[in-house]
């Protein structure tokens, strides 16, 4: 790979965590295996833009990539104990002269939530879209519990 050109088949390493399924202290009746795949959803913000892909990587975190460059513009690394119930989504809005990205993920399990909240917690982040990942500030997500 030379310069800043990128091909769709170029590998992109999100993290090097070994994914371990969180073990419950309670005896489950019949536990379904935790999926170990990556979830992704696409958001296109204008007719000329290729948009952004929001990725929820099991055992890693939530990342927003620019489809045109295949580079991350927002990254929330959550650690090896975090897994997701479904794809994370992002919505891009314009506030003044800034583009703001709201990302949402349903957390299946994490060391940051209680066992009784597994699969019932939605995390939300609000980040300015920046040309450089270094310009984004990592923040704790806002947490919502669905009943």
C-alpha atoms as a PDB file:
ATOM      1  CA  UNK A   1       0.000   0.000   0.000  1.00  0.00           C
ATOM      2  CA  UNK A   2       1.574   3.285  -1.064  1.00  0.00           C
ATOM      3  CA  UNK A   3       0.660   6.827  -0.040  1.00  0.00           C
ATOM      4  CA  UNK A   4      -2.891   7.246   1.160  1.00  0.00           C
ATOM      5  CA  UNK A   5      -4.592   4.962  -1.352  1.00  0.00           C
ATOM      6  CA  UNK A   6      -6.620   2.140   0.113  1.00  0.00           C
ATOM      7  CA  UNK A   7      -8.295  -0.855  -1.437  1.00  0.00           C
ATOM      8  CA  UNK A   8     -11.347  -2.609  -0.030  1.00  0.00           C
ATOM      9  CA  UNK A   9      -9.332  -5.791   0.507  1.00  0.00           C
ATOM     10  CA  UNK A  10      -6.639  -4.095   2.631  1.00  0.00           C
ATOM     11  CA  UNK A  11      -6.786  -5.486   6.182  1.00  0.00           C
ATOM     12  CA  UNK A  12      -7.865  -3.155   8.950  1.00  0.00           C
ATOM     13  CA  UNK A  13      -6.994  -4.182  12.516  1.00  0.00           C
ATOM     14  CA  UNK A  14      -9.471  -2.927  15.107  1.00  0.00           C
ATOM     15  CA  UNK A  15      -7.777  -4.483  18.135  1.00  0.00           C
ATOM     16  CA  UNK A  16      -5.823  -7.492  19.292  1.00  0.00           C
ATOM     17  CA  UNK A  17      -8.108  -8.564  22.131  1.00  0.00           C
ATOM     18  CA  UNK A  18      -8.814 -12.244  22.606  1.00  0.00           C
ATOM     19  CA  UNK A  19     -12.594 -12.492  22.914  1.00  0.00           C
ATOM     20  CA  UNK A  20     -13.789 -14.365  25.983  1.00  0.00           C
ATOM     21  CA  UNK A  21     -17.476 -14.930  26.603  1.00  0.00           C
ATOM     22  CA  UNK A  22     -18.499 -13.508  29.958  1.00  0.00           C
ATOM     23  CA  UNK A  23     -19.454 -16.290  32.341  1.00  0.00           C
ATOM     24  CA  UNK A  24     -22.514 -15.831  34.517  1.00  0.00           C
ATOM     25  CA  UNK A  25     -22.452 -16.747  38.199  1.00  0.00           C
ATOM     26  CA  UNK A  26     -26.040 -17.949  37.892  1.00  0.00           C
ATOM     27  CA  UNK A  27     -26.715 -21.300  36.298  1.00  0.00           C
ATOM     28  CA  UNK A  28     -28.406 -20.567  32.961  1.00  0.00           C
ATOM     29  CA  UNK A  29     -31.363 -22.694  31.880  1.00  0.00           C
ATOM     30  CA  UNK A  30     -30.064 -22.952  28.352  1.00  0.00           C
ATOM     31  CA  UNK A  31     -27.594 -20.320  27.215  1.00  0.00           C
ATOM     32  CA  UNK A  32     -27.288 -19.475  23.544  1.00  0.00           C
ATOM     33  CA  UNK A  33     -23.701 -19.066  22.338  1.00  0.00           C
ATOM     34  CA  UNK A  34     -22.566 -15.454  22.052  1.00  0.00           C
ATOM     35  CA  UNK A  35     -21.961 -14.509  18.407  1.00  0.00           C
ATOM     36  CA  UNK A  36     -18.341 -13.613  17.729  1.00  0.00           C
ATOM     37  CA  UNK A  37     -18.808 -11.613  14.588  1.00  0.00           C
ATOM     38  CA  UNK A  38     -18.679  -7.941  13.687  1.00  0.00           C
ATOM     39  CA  UNK A  39     -21.879  -5.942  13.171  1.00  0.00           C
ATOM     40  CA  UNK A  40     -21.955  -3.033  10.724  1.00  0.00           C
ATOM     41  CA  UNK A  41     -24.454  -0.436   9.501  1.00  0.00           C
ATOM     42  CA  UNK A  42     -24.130   2.280   6.822  1.00  0.00           C
ATOM     43  CA  UNK A  43     -25.056   5.988   7.017  1.00  0.00           C
ATOM     44  CA  UNK A  44     -24.876   8.217   3.935  1.00  0.00           C
ATOM     45  CA  UNK A  45     -24.938  11.950   4.661  1.00  0.00           C
ATOM     46  CA  UNK A  46     -25.080  13.465   1.177  1.00  0.00           C
ATOM     47  CA  UNK A  47     -25.450  12.437  -2.446  1.00  0.00           C
ATOM     48  CA  UNK A  48     -21.718  12.886  -3.210  1.00  0.00           C
ATOM     49  CA  UNK A  49     -20.397  11.265  -0.032  1.00  0.00           C
ATOM     50  CA  UNK A  50     -19.960   7.507   0.254  1.00  0.00           C
ATOM     51  CA  UNK A  51     -20.953   7.862   3.884  1.00  0.00           C
ATOM     52  CA  UNK A  52     -19.853   6.152   7.048  1.00  0.00           C
ATOM     53  CA  UNK A  53     -19.962   2.601   8.384  1.00  0.00           C
ATOM     54  CA  UNK A  54     -20.597   2.060  12.078  1.00  0.00           C
ATOM     55  CA  UNK A  55     -18.970  -1.121  13.344  1.00  0.00           C
ATOM     56  CA  UNK A  56     -19.704  -2.926  16.611  1.00  0.00           C
ATOM     57  CA  UNK A  57     -16.852  -5.399  17.065  1.00  0.00           C
ATOM     58  CA  UNK A  58     -17.445  -8.053  19.727  1.00  0.00           C
ATOM     59  CA  UNK A  59     -14.817  -7.806  22.454  1.00  0.00           C
ATOM     60  CA  UNK A  60     -13.515  -4.473  21.145  1.00  0.00           C
ATOM     61  CA  UNK A  61     -15.848  -1.500  20.720  1.00  0.00           C
ATOM     62  CA  UNK A  62     -17.761   0.812  18.414  1.00  0.00           C
ATOM     63  CA  UNK A  63     -15.965   2.452  15.497  1.00  0.00           C
ATOM     64  CA  UNK A  64     -17.163   4.793  12.728  1.00  0.00           C
ATOM     65  CA  UNK A  65     -15.221   4.523   9.465  1.00  0.00           C
ATOM     66  CA  UNK A  66     -15.269   6.816   6.439  1.00  0.00           C
ATOM     67  CA  UNK A  67     -16.227   4.531   3.531  1.00  0.00           C
ATOM     68  CA  UNK A  68     -14.246   6.591   0.986  1.00  0.00           C
ATOM     69  CA  UNK A  69     -10.926   6.226   2.817  1.00  0.00           C
ATOM     70  CA  UNK A  70     -11.666   3.144   4.994  1.00  0.00           C
ATOM     71  CA  UNK A  71     -10.156   5.041   7.912  1.00  0.00           C
ATOM     72  CA  UNK A  72     -11.707   5.468  11.376  1.00  0.00           C
ATOM     73  CA  UNK A  73     -13.120   8.909  12.174  1.00  0.00           C
ATOM     74  CA  UNK A  74     -14.520   7.947  15.603  1.00  0.00           C
ATOM     75  CA  UNK A  75     -13.393   5.107  17.828  1.00  0.00           C
ATOM     76  CA  UNK A  76     -14.723   3.945  21.202  1.00  0.00           C
ATOM     77  CA  UNK A  77     -12.639   1.012  22.417  1.00  0.00           C
ATOM     78  CA  UNK A  78     -14.598  -0.684  25.198  1.00  0.00           C
ATOM     79  CA  UNK A  79     -12.481  -3.717  26.024  1.00  0.00           C
ATOM     80  CA  UNK A  80     -12.602  -7.476  25.726  1.00  0.00           C
ATOM     81  CA  UNK A  81     -15.614  -8.028  28.016  1.00  0.00           C
ATOM     82  CA  UNK A  82     -18.033  -6.019  25.870  1.00  0.00           C
ATOM     83  CA  UNK A  83     -20.400  -7.697  23.421  1.00  0.00           C
ATOM     84  CA  UNK A  84     -23.334  -6.346  21.421  1.00  0.00           C
ATOM     85  CA  UNK A  85     -26.874  -7.599  20.776  1.00  0.00           C
ATOM     86  CA  UNK A  86     -27.229  -6.114  17.291  1.00  0.00           C
ATOM     87  CA  UNK A  87     -25.536  -3.698  14.867  1.00  0.00           C
ATOM     88  CA  UNK A  88     -24.618  -0.270  16.212  1.00  0.00           C
ATOM     89  CA  UNK A  89     -26.019   2.671  14.284  1.00  0.00           C
ATOM     90  CA  UNK A  90     -24.933   6.262  13.742  1.00  0.00           C
ATOM     91  CA  UNK A  91     -26.828   9.338  12.677  1.00  0.00           C
ATOM     92  CA  UNK A  92     -25.027  12.371  11.267  1.00  0.00           C
ATOM     93  CA  UNK A  93     -26.525  15.820  11.814  1.00  0.00           C
ATOM     94  CA  UNK A  94     -25.347  19.374  11.154  1.00  0.00           C
ATOM     95  CA  UNK A  95     -25.159  21.791  14.076  1.00  0.00           C
ATOM     96  CA  UNK A  96     -23.975  25.206  12.951  1.00  0.00           C
ATOM     97  CA  UNK A  97     -20.864  24.576  10.860  1.00  0.00           C
ATOM     98  CA  UNK A  98     -20.070  21.209  12.512  1.00  0.00           C
ATOM     99  CA  UNK A  99     -21.158  17.701  11.623  1.00  0.00           C
ATOM    100  CA  UNK A 100     -22.113  15.713  14.716  1.00  0.00           C
ATOM    101  CA  UNK A 101     -22.268  11.929  14.894  1.00  0.00           C
ATOM    102  CA  UNK A 102     -24.658  10.247  17.343  1.00  0.00           C
ATOM    103  CA  UNK A 103     -23.796   6.538  17.730  1.00  0.00           C
ATOM    104  CA  UNK A 104     -25.991   3.974  19.496  1.00  0.00           C
ATOM    105  CA  UNK A 105     -25.234   0.378  20.546  1.00  0.00           C
ATOM    106  CA  UNK A 106     -27.246  -2.233  22.478  1.00  0.00           C
ATOM    107  CA  UNK A 107     -24.864  -3.864  24.956  1.00  0.00           C
ATOM    108  CA  UNK A 108     -25.358  -7.596  25.406  1.00  0.00           C
ATOM    109  CA  UNK A 109     -22.742  -7.831  28.175  1.00  0.00           C
ATOM    110  CA  UNK A 110     -19.997  -5.678  29.672  1.00  0.00           C
ATOM    111  CA  UNK A 111     -18.054  -5.374  32.887  1.00  0.00           C
ATOM    112  CA  UNK A 112     -19.504  -1.831  33.100  1.00  0.00           C
ATOM    113  CA  UNK A 113     -23.114  -3.017  33.527  1.00  0.00           C
ATOM    114  CA  UNK A 114     -24.819  -5.416  35.912  1.00  0.00           C
ATOM    115  CA  UNK A 115     -25.821  -8.937  34.858  1.00  0.00           C
ATOM    116  CA  UNK A 116     -29.509  -8.077  35.201  1.00  0.00           C
ATOM    117  CA  UNK A 117     -29.013  -5.337  32.570  1.00  0.00           C
ATOM    118  CA  UNK A 118     -27.433  -7.594  29.911  1.00  0.00           C
ATOM    119  CA  UNK A 119     -29.137  -7.009  26.562  1.00  0.00           C
ATOM    120  CA  UNK A 120     -31.218  -4.141  27.976  1.00  0.00           C
ATOM    121  CA  UNK A 121     -28.740  -1.240  27.936  1.00  0.00           C
ATOM    122  CA  UNK A 122     -28.299   1.200  25.062  1.00  0.00           C
ATOM    123  CA  UNK A 123     -25.132   3.281  24.996  1.00  0.00           C
ATOM    124  CA  UNK A 124     -25.026   6.579  23.097  1.00  0.00           C
ATOM    125  CA  UNK A 125     -22.081   8.775  22.135  1.00  0.00           C
ATOM    126  CA  UNK A 126     -22.116  12.266  20.632  1.00  0.00           C
ATOM    127  CA  UNK A 127     -18.933  13.126  18.707  1.00  0.00           C
ATOM    128  CA  UNK A 128     -17.971  15.846  16.246  1.00  0.00           C
ATOM    129  CA  UNK A 129     -16.919  14.408  12.881  1.00  0.00           C
ATOM    130  CA  UNK A 130     -13.324  15.342  12.314  1.00  0.00           C
ATOM    131  CA  UNK A 131     -10.928  14.650   9.445  1.00  0.00           C
ATOM    132  CA  UNK A 132      -8.490  13.219  11.993  1.00  0.00           C
ATOM    133  CA  UNK A 133      -9.223  10.540  14.586  1.00  0.00           C
ATOM    134  CA  UNK A 134      -6.719  12.308  16.854  1.00  0.00           C
ATOM    135  CA  UNK A 135      -9.111  15.287  17.037  1.00  0.00           C
ATOM    136  CA  UNK A 136     -11.862  13.236  18.686  1.00  0.00           C
ATOM    137  CA  UNK A 137     -11.951  12.996  22.461  1.00  0.00           C
ATOM    138  CA  UNK A 138     -12.838   9.629  23.972  1.00  0.00           C
ATOM    139  CA  UNK A 139     -15.831   9.892  26.240  1.00  0.00           C
ATOM    140  CA  UNK A 140     -17.958   7.640  28.404  1.00  0.00           C
ATOM    141  CA  UNK A 141     -21.248   6.758  26.757  1.00  0.00           C
ATOM    142  CA  UNK A 142     -24.611   7.913  28.036  1.00  0.00           C
ATOM    143  CA  UNK A 143     -26.502   4.850  29.196  1.00  0.00           C
ATOM    144  CA  UNK A 144     -30.203   4.082  28.751  1.00  0.00           C
ATOM    145  CA  UNK A 145     -31.908   0.946  30.066  1.00  0.00           C
ATOM    146  CA  UNK A 146     -34.838  -0.423  28.100  1.00  0.00           C
ATOM    147  CA  UNK A 147     -37.600  -2.165  30.035  1.00  0.00           C
END
